[in-house]
């Protein structure tokens, strides 16, 4: 498979492994609404993704990101003029981490333009696998031709869609457009509503489908030359009795079958051309951003928002109510806002002060029932809530020592990810965290055994092993602890694998590798 090469590529492909794992620090003063799993994180998205992976890894149904396009221009909130290799170095580690968040039936969608879009396609082929490429959606971002363009005026952006696993990808069809409905009328005032007249004849002559029809006006009809009727005579008589055959206004025309709008399939397979009517455009996005900003004195609208209709279409296809959505380039907060209105759970990451000045304020309005964007279309009236968090200290210091501030639950989530490659299914209720692949995993850390002594509660002894075996009496068990006082023979005989904290955490190939 072709790959893209650039200066520093080898290091960039492993850059995510060198990112320190940090704790998340909740900011209760910036949380809003009802207690919720929805989470807004302020901080560098690479470090934030690393911090979130043990909690949300393998749980996200849809990732959508709108990264800087590297267009050569500058915006208030982003430096969008990165040298090409630098841009790739920024994208690759983030894509590698984002891949780990996806459920097997999930997908990732990335907005980009022509400047970096084709390079991004090659990189994503490598990160996600070329067979997992699904589509390149072309979105009509503007209706206005720029006559000051040197050669051509750009009217579109790309949205690259990849599956986590193409064999298990699950998506939805989209609602059929109202454009089709205008062709349906109710010429005879049928109580079943609007209908479309479709021919009652079909190709390929078959004897049982060739018979005489007498119209209500007395005209005798046979199928047109080289064709037959579309049903048997018995089925025709049933349709006629149900007033589903139409013979024109004078009751003597060619037989036609009524197709009622109410009985049509209301969804259709999406295609890769998304016009402004169904997905919005930049002008619509800017109107939404200005309307939100106008409610807050002194606030500025975001420079490069996406319209809510665009995100609604993506989430309609890629998710169902209750699914988890992740956006690590949250920008003005559109993804989280639309996900919230559509009944999806969400995690959004944004760096800088506008995580508070734009995202948090916008999402407060959503919780309060804001009626812009897609609110009316999805019946949004308000409700729910979200947490707000920042990045705290690294789990390990520069010398490799475990930060004493890390609590049992945080350490448990991180070591479980390192041991299993999956998120901890539920908050730990004791030292035995659960089982994966037929093996139990346990953690002895300060406080879990009601003993905050530096060693007493954190050392694997005969006594602590008996406590662990009460919760996991059968099968092999991996125990993380500060030390072990059991011999190698005893550990082997009892089916125990001992891992020492913090050393085996740092070298175990998990989140700290």
Protein backbone atom coordinates (compact mmCIF):
# COMPACT_ATOMS: atom_id res chain seq x y z
CA UNK A 1 0.00 0.00 0.00
CA UNK A 2 1.40 3.43 -0.89
CA UNK A 3 2.48 5.51 2.07
CA UNK A 4 3.33 9.17 2.50
CA UNK A 5 6.82 10.17 3.54
CA UNK A 6 7.94 13.42 5.19
CA UNK A 7 10.77 14.70 7.34
CA UNK A 8 10.44 13.23 10.84
CA UNK A 9 7.84 10.64 9.81
CA UNK A 10 9.28 7.79 11.91
CA UNK A 11 9.15 9.84 15.09
CA UNK A 12 5.71 11.27 14.30
CA UNK A 13 4.22 7.79 13.91
CA UNK A 14 5.17 7.04 17.53
CA UNK A 15 4.67 10.50 18.99
CA UNK A 16 1.43 9.48 20.75
CA UNK A 17 3.41 6.96 22.81
CA UNK A 18 5.55 9.73 24.32
CA UNK A 19 2.64 11.87 25.44
CA UNK A 20 2.42 11.95 29.24
CA UNK A 21 -0.75 10.59 30.76
CA UNK A 22 -2.42 13.29 32.80
CA UNK A 23 -5.27 13.32 35.25
CA UNK A 24 -8.46 15.18 34.49
CA UNK A 25 -9.46 17.81 37.03
CA UNK A 26 -13.15 18.60 37.28
CA UNK A 27 -14.16 22.27 37.43
CA UNK A 28 -17.53 22.18 39.22
CA UNK A 29 -18.01 25.91 38.76
CA UNK A 30 -18.13 25.50 34.99
CA UNK A 31 -20.33 22.42 34.94
CA UNK A 32 -23.95 23.12 34.08
CA UNK A 33 -27.33 21.44 34.27
CA UNK A 34 -28.16 17.99 35.50
CA UNK A 35 -25.41 15.49 36.41
CA UNK A 36 -24.33 13.97 33.13
CA UNK A 37 -21.66 11.94 31.38
CA UNK A 38 -21.28 14.72 28.79
CA UNK A 39 -17.80 16.20 29.17
CA UNK A 40 -16.10 19.37 27.93
CA UNK A 41 -12.31 19.35 28.36
CA UNK A 42 -10.07 22.40 28.09
CA UNK A 43 -6.52 21.58 27.10
CA UNK A 44 -4.19 20.37 24.38
CA UNK A 45 -6.17 17.71 22.56
CA UNK A 46 -3.28 15.26 22.25
CA UNK A 47 -2.75 15.17 26.00
CA UNK A 48 -6.50 15.22 26.62
CA UNK A 49 -7.03 12.23 24.34
CA UNK A 50 -4.33 10.32 26.21
CA UNK A 51 -6.03 11.14 29.51
CA UNK A 52 -9.48 10.14 28.26
CA UNK A 53 -8.47 6.88 26.58
CA UNK A 54 -8.66 4.68 29.70
CA UNK A 55 -12.20 5.88 30.33
CA UNK A 56 -13.64 6.08 26.82
CA UNK A 57 -11.46 3.74 24.74
CA UNK A 58 -13.57 1.47 22.52
CA UNK A 59 -16.82 3.22 23.50
CA UNK A 60 -17.25 5.99 20.91
CA UNK A 61 -19.71 5.41 18.05
CA UNK A 62 -18.71 8.48 16.04
CA UNK A 63 -15.67 10.74 15.97
CA UNK A 64 -16.00 13.99 14.05
CA UNK A 65 -13.12 16.46 13.82
CA UNK A 66 -12.64 19.70 11.94
CA UNK A 67 -8.88 20.31 12.27
CA UNK A 68 -7.02 23.36 10.97
CA UNK A 69 -6.93 23.16 7.18
CA UNK A 70 -3.40 24.60 6.82
CA UNK A 71 -4.77 27.11 4.33
CA UNK A 72 -2.08 29.73 4.66
CA UNK A 73 -4.40 32.17 6.42
CA UNK A 74 -4.61 33.08 10.07
CA UNK A 75 -7.60 32.94 12.39
CA UNK A 76 -8.22 34.37 15.81
CA UNK A 77 -8.35 30.99 17.49
CA UNK A 78 -5.94 28.90 15.42
CA UNK A 79 -2.65 29.24 13.65
CA UNK A 80 -3.79 27.82 10.34
CA UNK A 81 -0.54 28.38 8.47
CA UNK A 82 1.55 25.36 9.39
CA UNK A 83 4.30 24.03 7.16
CA UNK A 84 3.17 20.81 5.46
CA UNK A 85 5.35 18.37 7.41
CA UNK A 86 4.47 20.13 10.67
CA UNK A 87 0.77 19.78 9.86
CA UNK A 88 1.19 16.04 9.24
CA UNK A 89 3.19 15.72 12.47
CA UNK A 90 0.25 17.35 14.27
CA UNK A 91 -2.39 15.12 12.70
CA UNK A 92 -0.81 11.65 12.82
CA UNK A 93 -0.55 11.08 16.60
CA UNK A 94 -4.05 12.45 17.11
CA UNK A 95 -5.50 10.12 14.47
CA UNK A 96 -3.70 7.17 16.07
CA UNK A 97 -5.24 7.92 19.45
CA UNK A 98 -8.69 8.64 17.99
CA UNK A 99 -8.68 5.20 16.36
CA UNK A 100 -8.51 3.63 19.82
CA UNK A 101 -11.70 5.36 20.96
CA UNK A 102 -13.95 3.84 18.28
CA UNK A 103 -16.36 0.99 18.80
CA UNK A 104 -16.09 -1.80 16.26
CA UNK A 105 -19.27 -0.54 14.57
CA UNK A 106 -18.16 3.09 14.73
CA UNK A 107 -16.73 5.59 12.27
CA UNK A 108 -14.57 8.71 12.09
CA UNK A 109 -15.37 11.75 9.91
CA UNK A 110 -12.74 14.42 9.17
CA UNK A 111 -13.46 17.76 7.48
CA UNK A 112 -10.71 19.06 5.21
CA UNK A 113 -10.25 21.03 1.99
CA UNK A 114 -8.22 20.43 -1.17
CA UNK A 115 -4.96 21.80 0.20
CA UNK A 116 -4.27 18.83 2.55
CA UNK A 117 -7.21 16.55 1.78
CA UNK A 118 -5.39 14.14 -0.53
CA UNK A 119 -2.41 13.85 1.81
CA UNK A 120 -4.78 13.24 4.69
CA UNK A 121 -6.44 10.44 2.71
CA UNK A 122 -3.12 8.59 2.34
CA UNK A 123 -2.29 9.06 6.03
CA UNK A 124 -5.73 7.83 7.13
CA UNK A 125 -5.39 4.82 4.83
CA UNK A 126 -2.29 3.91 6.83
CA UNK A 127 -3.71 4.65 10.28
CA UNK A 128 -7.17 3.11 9.83
CA UNK A 129 -6.48 0.66 7.00
CA UNK A 130 -7.32 1.30 3.37
CA UNK A 131 -10.10 -1.32 3.46
CA UNK A 132 -11.82 0.75 6.15
CA UNK A 133 -12.18 3.79 3.90
CA UNK A 134 -15.91 4.36 3.38
CA UNK A 135 -16.47 7.60 1.49
CA UNK A 136 -15.23 11.04 0.54
CA UNK A 137 -18.24 13.27 1.10
CA UNK A 138 -18.21 16.49 -0.91
CA UNK A 139 -20.00 19.25 0.96
CA UNK A 140 -21.20 22.39 -0.81
CA UNK A 141 -19.86 24.96 1.64
CA UNK A 142 -20.82 28.09 -0.29
CA UNK A 143 -23.32 29.32 -2.87
CA UNK A 144 -21.30 32.41 -3.74
CA UNK A 145 -18.73 32.44 -6.50
CA UNK A 146 -15.63 34.44 -5.59
CA UNK A 147 -14.68 36.45 -8.66
CA UNK A 148 -11.45 37.51 -6.99
CA UNK A 149 -10.18 33.92 -7.09
CA UNK A 150 -7.09 33.64 -9.27
CA UNK A 151 -8.22 30.61 -11.30
CA UNK A 152 -11.17 28.82 -9.70
CA UNK A 153 -13.52 29.65 -6.86
CA UNK A 154 -13.74 26.80 -4.36
CA UNK A 155 -17.30 25.78 -3.53
CA UNK A 156 -16.72 22.59 -1.53
CA UNK A 157 -14.97 20.89 1.36
CA UNK A 158 -14.27 17.19 1.81
CA UNK A 159 -15.35 14.98 4.70
CA UNK A 160 -13.35 11.74 4.82
CA UNK A 161 -15.21 8.85 6.46
CA UNK A 162 -13.47 5.73 7.77
CA UNK A 163 -14.85 2.76 9.65
CA UNK A 164 -13.19 1.27 12.69
CA UNK A 165 -13.97 -2.10 11.11
CA UNK A 166 -15.61 -2.12 7.68
CA UNK A 167 -17.10 -5.56 8.31
CA UNK A 168 -18.93 -4.39 11.43
CA UNK A 169 -19.76 -0.79 10.49
CA UNK A 170 -23.36 0.14 11.30
CA UNK A 171 -24.96 3.21 9.73
CA UNK A 172 -28.43 4.63 9.09
CA UNK A 173 -30.17 5.86 5.99
CA UNK A 174 -31.24 9.47 5.74
CA UNK A 175 -34.69 10.96 5.50
CA UNK A 176 -35.98 11.30 1.97
CA UNK A 177 -36.15 14.88 0.87
CA UNK A 178 -39.25 16.99 0.63
CA UNK A 179 -38.36 17.63 -3.01
CA UNK A 180 -39.85 14.24 -3.87
CA UNK A 181 -43.05 14.99 -2.02
CA UNK A 182 -44.09 17.80 -4.36
CA UNK A 183 -44.63 15.20 -7.09
CA UNK A 184 -47.32 13.56 -4.95
CA UNK A 185 -50.82 15.02 -5.25
CA UNK A 186 -54.39 13.99 -4.37
CA UNK A 187 -56.32 14.44 -7.60
CA UNK A 188 -59.34 12.39 -6.49
CA UNK A 189 -59.42 13.49 -2.83
CA UNK A 190 -58.46 10.04 -1.57
CA UNK A 191 -58.71 9.97 2.27
CA UNK A 192 -55.30 8.23 2.41
CA UNK A 193 -53.64 11.44 1.24
CA UNK A 194 -51.27 12.38 -1.56
CA UNK A 195 -50.30 9.78 -4.14
CA UNK A 196 -48.20 9.35 -7.26
CA UNK A 197 -49.53 7.69 -10.42
CA UNK A 198 -47.10 5.06 -11.68
CA UNK A 199 -47.51 2.91 -14.81
CA UNK A 200 -49.41 -0.35 -14.29
CA UNK A 201 -47.53 -2.14 -17.07
CA UNK A 202 -44.11 -3.82 -17.04
CA UNK A 203 -41.60 -5.26 -19.56
CA UNK A 204 -41.31 -8.92 -20.60
CA UNK A 205 -44.59 -10.45 -21.74
CA UNK A 206 -45.95 -13.19 -19.46
CA UNK A 207 -49.26 -15.02 -20.23
CA UNK A 208 -50.60 -14.75 -16.67
CA UNK A 209 -49.97 -10.98 -16.72
CA UNK A 210 -51.71 -10.39 -20.05
CA UNK A 211 -55.46 -9.86 -19.77
CA UNK A 212 -58.18 -7.34 -20.66
CA UNK A 213 -59.00 -4.45 -18.36
CA UNK A 214 -62.27 -2.53 -18.65
CA UNK A 215 -62.12 1.07 -17.48
CA UNK A 216 -64.97 2.65 -15.44
CA UNK A 217 -65.87 4.56 -18.63
CA UNK A 218 -66.19 1.31 -20.62
CA UNK A 219 -62.92 1.38 -22.57
CA UNK A 220 -61.21 -1.99 -23.02
CA UNK A 221 -57.47 -2.00 -22.38
CA UNK A 222 -54.64 -4.40 -23.18
CA UNK A 223 -51.00 -3.85 -22.16
CA UNK A 224 -48.93 -1.72 -24.57
CA UNK A 225 -47.07 -3.61 -27.30
CA UNK A 226 -44.22 -5.72 -25.96
CA UNK A 227 -45.33 -5.33 -22.33
CA UNK A 228 -47.66 -6.91 -19.77
CA UNK A 229 -49.54 -5.76 -16.68
CA UNK A 230 -47.54 -5.58 -13.42
CA UNK A 231 -49.82 -7.96 -11.47
CA UNK A 232 -52.03 -10.97 -12.05
CA UNK A 233 -55.72 -10.40 -12.76
CA UNK A 234 -56.63 -11.52 -9.23
CA UNK A 235 -54.21 -8.99 -7.72
CA UNK A 236 -55.50 -6.32 -10.09
CA UNK A 237 -59.06 -6.91 -8.92
CA UNK A 238 -57.95 -6.50 -5.30
CA UNK A 239 -56.19 -3.22 -6.13
CA UNK A 240 -59.25 -2.00 -8.04
CA UNK A 241 -61.55 -2.82 -5.15
CA UNK A 242 -59.20 -0.87 -2.83
CA UNK A 243 -59.31 2.18 -5.14
CA UNK A 244 -55.63 1.89 -5.98
CA UNK A 245 -56.05 1.99 -9.80
CA UNK A 246 -56.43 5.33 -11.53
CA UNK A 247 -57.74 5.80 -15.08
CA UNK A 248 -57.32 9.54 -15.49
CA UNK A 249 -59.73 12.37 -14.96
CA UNK A 250 -62.16 11.03 -17.58
CA UNK A 251 -61.98 7.45 -16.20
CA UNK A 252 -60.94 6.15 -19.64
CA UNK A 253 -57.19 6.62 -19.59
CA UNK A 254 -54.42 4.02 -19.34
CA UNK A 255 -54.45 2.14 -16.05
CA UNK A 256 -52.07 3.56 -13.41
CA UNK A 257 -51.33 2.44 -9.89
CA UNK A 258 -51.56 4.78 -6.92
CA UNK A 259 -48.42 5.01 -4.78
CA UNK A 260 -49.28 6.81 -1.54
CA UNK A 261 -46.76 9.13 0.12
CA UNK A 262 -47.67 7.78 3.55
CA UNK A 263 -46.67 4.29 2.42
CA UNK A 264 -43.39 5.17 0.78
CA UNK A 265 -40.07 4.37 2.36
CA UNK A 266 -39.19 7.58 4.21
CA UNK A 267 -35.45 6.97 4.16
CA UNK A 268 -32.86 6.46 1.50
CA UNK A 269 -29.19 5.54 1.18
CA UNK A 270 -27.07 8.69 1.57
CA UNK A 271 -24.79 9.70 -1.25
CA UNK A 272 -21.50 11.56 -1.26
CA UNK A 273 -22.78 14.89 -2.60
CA UNK A 274 -24.19 17.04 0.20
CA UNK A 275 -25.76 20.21 -1.08
CA UNK A 276 -26.46 23.24 1.06
CA UNK A 277 -30.19 22.43 1.22
CA UNK A 278 -29.59 19.27 3.26
CA UNK A 279 -26.32 20.09 5.04
CA UNK A 280 -26.19 23.89 5.34
CA UNK A 281 -23.35 26.13 4.18
CA UNK A 282 -20.79 28.55 5.60
CA UNK A 283 -23.20 31.47 5.44
CA UNK A 284 -25.72 29.56 7.55
CA UNK A 285 -22.97 28.57 9.99
CA UNK A 286 -21.86 32.16 10.38
CA UNK A 287 -25.44 33.31 11.01
CA UNK A 288 -25.75 30.71 13.77
CA UNK A 289 -22.44 31.78 15.33
CA UNK A 290 -23.35 35.48 15.26
CA UNK A 291 -26.77 34.80 16.74
CA UNK A 292 -25.17 32.94 19.65
CA UNK A 293 -22.54 35.63 20.19
CA UNK A 294 -25.12 38.42 20.13
CA UNK A 295 -26.60 37.16 23.39
CA UNK A 296 -23.34 37.80 25.27
CA UNK A 297 -22.00 41.34 25.52
CA UNK A 298 -18.40 41.59 24.37
CA UNK A 299 -18.20 38.08 22.94
CA UNK A 300 -16.99 37.35 19.43
CA UNK A 301 -18.36 34.77 17.04
CA UNK A 302 -16.08 31.91 16.04
CA UNK A 303 -14.29 32.46 12.73
CA UNK A 304 -14.73 29.07 11.05
CA UNK A 305 -17.86 27.32 12.37
CA UNK A 306 -19.72 24.47 10.71
CA UNK A 307 -23.52 24.60 10.32
CA UNK A 308 -25.59 22.51 12.68
CA UNK A 309 -27.35 20.85 9.72
CA UNK A 310 -24.02 19.39 8.59
CA UNK A 311 -23.38 17.77 11.96
CA UNK A 312 -26.98 16.57 12.20
CA UNK A 313 -26.61 14.77 8.89
CA UNK A 314 -23.39 13.09 10.02
CA UNK A 315 -24.90 12.00 13.34
CA UNK A 316 -28.12 10.84 11.64
CA UNK A 317 -26.01 8.47 9.53
CA UNK A 318 -23.36 7.44 12.04
CA UNK A 319 -25.19 7.21 15.39
CA UNK A 320 -28.35 6.32 17.25
CA UNK A 321 -29.81 8.01 20.35
CA UNK A 322 -27.67 7.31 23.40
CA UNK A 323 -24.46 6.72 21.41
CA UNK A 324 -21.26 8.52 22.38
CA UNK A 325 -19.82 11.21 20.08
CA UNK A 326 -16.28 12.63 20.34
CA UNK A 327 -14.83 15.82 18.85
CA UNK A 328 -11.25 16.70 19.77
CA UNK A 329 -11.20 19.93 17.71
CA UNK A 330 -14.44 21.25 19.17
CA UNK A 331 -14.01 24.84 17.90
CA UNK A 332 -17.23 26.71 18.60
CA UNK A 333 -18.91 23.65 20.08
CA UNK A 334 -21.17 22.71 17.15
CA UNK A 335 -20.63 18.95 17.39
CA UNK A 336 -21.43 18.84 21.10
CA UNK A 337 -24.43 21.16 20.68
CA UNK A 338 -25.99 19.05 17.93
CA UNK A 339 -25.20 15.76 19.69
CA UNK A 340 -26.85 17.10 22.84
CA UNK A 341 -30.00 18.20 20.99
CA UNK A 342 -30.20 14.80 19.25
CA UNK A 343 -29.98 12.78 22.46
CA UNK A 344 -26.41 11.58 22.00
CA UNK A 345 -23.78 11.59 24.73
CA UNK A 346 -20.69 13.63 23.89
CA UNK A 347 -17.10 14.46 24.78
CA UNK A 348 -15.56 17.64 23.39
CA UNK A 349 -11.97 18.91 23.65
CA UNK A 350 -10.86 22.45 22.96
CA UNK A 351 -7.73 24.33 23.91
CA UNK A 352 -7.42 27.93 25.06
CA UNK A 353 -9.82 30.29 26.72
CA UNK A 354 -12.53 29.90 24.10
CA UNK A 355 -13.29 26.47 25.60
CA UNK A 356 -14.91 28.66 28.24
CA UNK A 357 -15.80 31.78 26.25
CA UNK A 358 -17.38 29.94 23.30
CA UNK A 359 -17.98 26.24 23.95
CA UNK A 360 -19.15 26.30 27.55
CA UNK A 361 -21.43 29.30 27.00
CA UNK A 362 -22.94 27.78 23.87
CA UNK A 363 -23.61 24.47 25.60
CA UNK A 364 -25.21 26.27 28.56
CA UNK A 365 -27.63 27.83 26.08
CA UNK A 366 -28.34 24.39 24.60
CA UNK A 367 -29.17 22.99 28.04
CA UNK A 368 -31.44 26.00 28.62
CA UNK A 369 -33.34 25.23 25.39
CA UNK A 370 -31.68 27.45 22.76
CA UNK A 371 -33.77 27.39 19.57
CA UNK A 372 -31.24 28.09 16.82
CA UNK A 373 -29.76 25.65 14.33
CA UNK A 374 -31.49 22.26 14.24
CA UNK A 375 -33.46 22.72 17.46
CA UNK A 376 -36.86 22.90 15.77
CA UNK A 377 -36.06 20.03 13.38
CA UNK A 378 -35.21 17.65 16.25
CA UNK A 379 -37.82 18.97 18.69
CA UNK A 380 -35.28 20.31 21.16
CA UNK A 381 -36.66 22.11 24.23
CA UNK A 382 -33.73 21.89 26.67
CA UNK A 383 -32.45 19.65 29.44
CA UNK A 384 -29.44 17.56 30.41
CA UNK A 385 -26.07 18.95 31.42
CA UNK A 386 -22.32 18.59 31.15
CA UNK A 387 -19.10 18.44 33.17
CA UNK A 388 -16.13 20.72 32.59
CA UNK A 389 -12.58 19.51 33.18
CA UNK A 390 -9.01 20.65 32.68
CA UNK A 391 -5.76 18.73 32.44
CA UNK A 392 -4.07 18.07 35.75
CA UNK A 393 -0.64 16.76 36.64
CA UNK A 394 1.04 13.88 34.85
CA UNK A 395 0.58 10.44 36.40
CA UNK A 396 4.37 10.04 36.51
CA UNK A 397 6.98 12.70 37.17
CA UNK A 398 10.18 13.16 35.16
CA UNK A 399 11.90 10.53 37.31
CA UNK A 400 9.21 7.95 36.72
CA UNK A 401 7.66 8.18 40.19
CA UNK A 402 3.92 7.77 40.57
CA UNK A 403 2.25 11.04 41.52
CA UNK A 404 0.99 10.61 45.10
CA UNK A 405 -2.10 12.63 44.21
CA UNK A 406 -3.47 9.96 41.90
CA UNK A 407 -6.41 8.17 43.46
CA UNK A 408 -7.35 4.53 43.29
CA UNK A 409 -10.10 4.94 40.67
CA UNK A 410 -7.89 6.93 38.30
CA UNK A 411 -5.00 4.49 38.59
CA UNK A 412 -7.38 1.55 38.15
CA UNK A 413 -8.75 2.98 34.89
CA UNK A 414 -5.30 3.54 33.50
CA UNK A 415 -3.79 0.19 34.40
CA UNK A 416 -6.89 -1.63 33.11
CA UNK A 417 -6.43 0.09 29.77
CA UNK A 418 -2.76 -0.85 29.73
CA UNK A 419 -3.56 -4.47 30.63
CA UNK A 420 -6.58 -5.04 28.36
CA UNK A 421 -6.67 -2.26 25.76
CA UNK A 422 -10.27 -1.53 26.76
CA UNK A 423 -11.98 0.99 29.01
CA UNK A 424 -12.87 -0.13 32.52
CA UNK A 425 -16.53 -1.20 32.18
CA UNK A 426 -17.63 0.25 35.54
CA UNK A 427 -16.14 2.21 38.47
CA UNK A 428 -14.12 -0.13 40.70
CA UNK A 429 -15.78 -1.21 43.94
CA UNK A 430 -12.75 -3.00 45.35
CA UNK A 431 -9.26 -4.17 44.49
CA UNK A 432 -10.47 -6.74 41.91
CA UNK A 433 -11.30 -4.61 38.87
CA UNK A 434 -12.83 -7.33 36.69
CA UNK A 435 -11.91 -10.09 34.26
CA UNK A 436 -10.75 -9.89 30.65
CA UNK A 437 -9.92 -12.80 28.39
CA UNK A 438 -10.33 -15.26 31.27
CA UNK A 439 -7.90 -13.39 33.56
CA UNK A 440 -8.80 -11.24 36.59
CA UNK A 441 -7.00 -7.93 37.18
CA UNK A 442 -6.49 -6.47 40.66
CA UNK A 443 -4.89 -3.34 42.09
CA UNK A 444 -3.54 -2.75 45.59
CA UNK A 445 -3.27 0.98 46.10
CA UNK A 446 -3.57 3.28 49.08
CA UNK A 447 -6.99 3.19 50.63
CA UNK A 448 -8.53 0.31 48.73
CA UNK A 449 -8.12 -2.05 51.72
CA UNK A 450 -8.96 0.69 54.22
CA UNK A 451 -5.29 0.95 55.02
CA UNK A 452 -3.46 4.10 54.02
CA UNK A 453 -0.11 2.91 55.27
CA UNK A 454 2.44 3.34 52.49
CA UNK A 455 3.15 -0.36 52.34
CA UNK A 456 0.67 -2.28 54.47
CA UNK A 457 -2.27 -1.97 52.11
CA UNK A 458 -0.27 -2.01 48.90
CA UNK A 459 1.81 -5.16 49.34
CA UNK A 460 0.82 -8.58 48.00
CA UNK A 461 0.93 -10.94 50.98
CA UNK A 462 -0.83 -14.19 51.87
CA UNK A 463 -3.45 -12.13 53.69
CA UNK A 464 -4.13 -9.72 50.82
CA UNK A 465 -4.18 -12.59 48.31
CA UNK A 466 -6.87 -14.33 50.38
CA UNK A 467 -8.96 -11.14 50.19
CA UNK A 468 -8.48 -10.96 46.42
CA UNK A 469 -9.43 -14.61 45.98
CA UNK A 470 -12.71 -14.03 47.79
CA UNK A 471 -13.73 -11.83 44.85
CA UNK A 472 -11.96 -13.93 42.18
CA UNK A 473 -11.80 -17.50 43.51
CA UNK A 474 -11.02 -19.20 40.20
CA UNK A 475 -8.68 -18.65 37.28
CA UNK A 476 -5.49 -16.68 36.75
CA UNK A 477 -5.16 -13.19 38.25
CA UNK A 478 -2.77 -10.30 37.59
CA UNK A 479 -2.08 -8.21 40.69
CA UNK A 480 -0.58 -4.72 40.61
CA UNK A 481 1.00 -3.75 43.92
CA UNK A 482 3.94 -1.83 45.36
CA UNK A 483 5.72 -5.06 46.34
CA UNK A 484 5.19 -8.80 46.80
CA UNK A 485 6.19 -10.95 49.76
CA UNK A 486 5.23 -14.18 48.01
CA UNK A 487 7.80 -16.43 46.41
CA UNK A 488 7.86 -17.08 42.69
CA UNK A 489 6.80 -20.69 43.33
CA UNK A 490 3.82 -19.55 45.42
CA UNK A 491 2.73 -17.06 42.79
CA UNK A 492 2.94 -19.71 40.08
CA UNK A 493 1.05 -22.29 42.16
CA UNK A 494 -1.74 -19.79 42.98
CA UNK A 495 -2.11 -18.61 39.34
CA UNK A 496 -0.86 -15.09 40.16
CA UNK A 497 1.08 -12.74 37.92
CA UNK A 498 2.63 -9.94 39.96
CA UNK A 499 3.28 -6.51 38.45
CA UNK A 500 4.99 -3.82 40.47
CA UNK A 501 3.70 -0.26 40.51
CA UNK A 502 4.88 2.04 39.12
CA UNK A 503 7.57 0.22 37.15
CA UNK A 504 5.42 -2.28 35.30
CA UNK A 505 2.91 0.46 34.51
CA UNK A 506 5.51 2.47 32.68
CA UNK A 507 6.93 -0.44 30.77
CA UNK A 508 3.84 -2.50 30.16
CA UNK A 509 2.98 -1.21 26.70
CA UNK A 510 -0.24 0.44 27.85
CA UNK A 511 -1.11 4.08 28.29
CA UNK A 512 2.30 5.01 29.64
CA UNK A 513 4.35 3.40 26.89
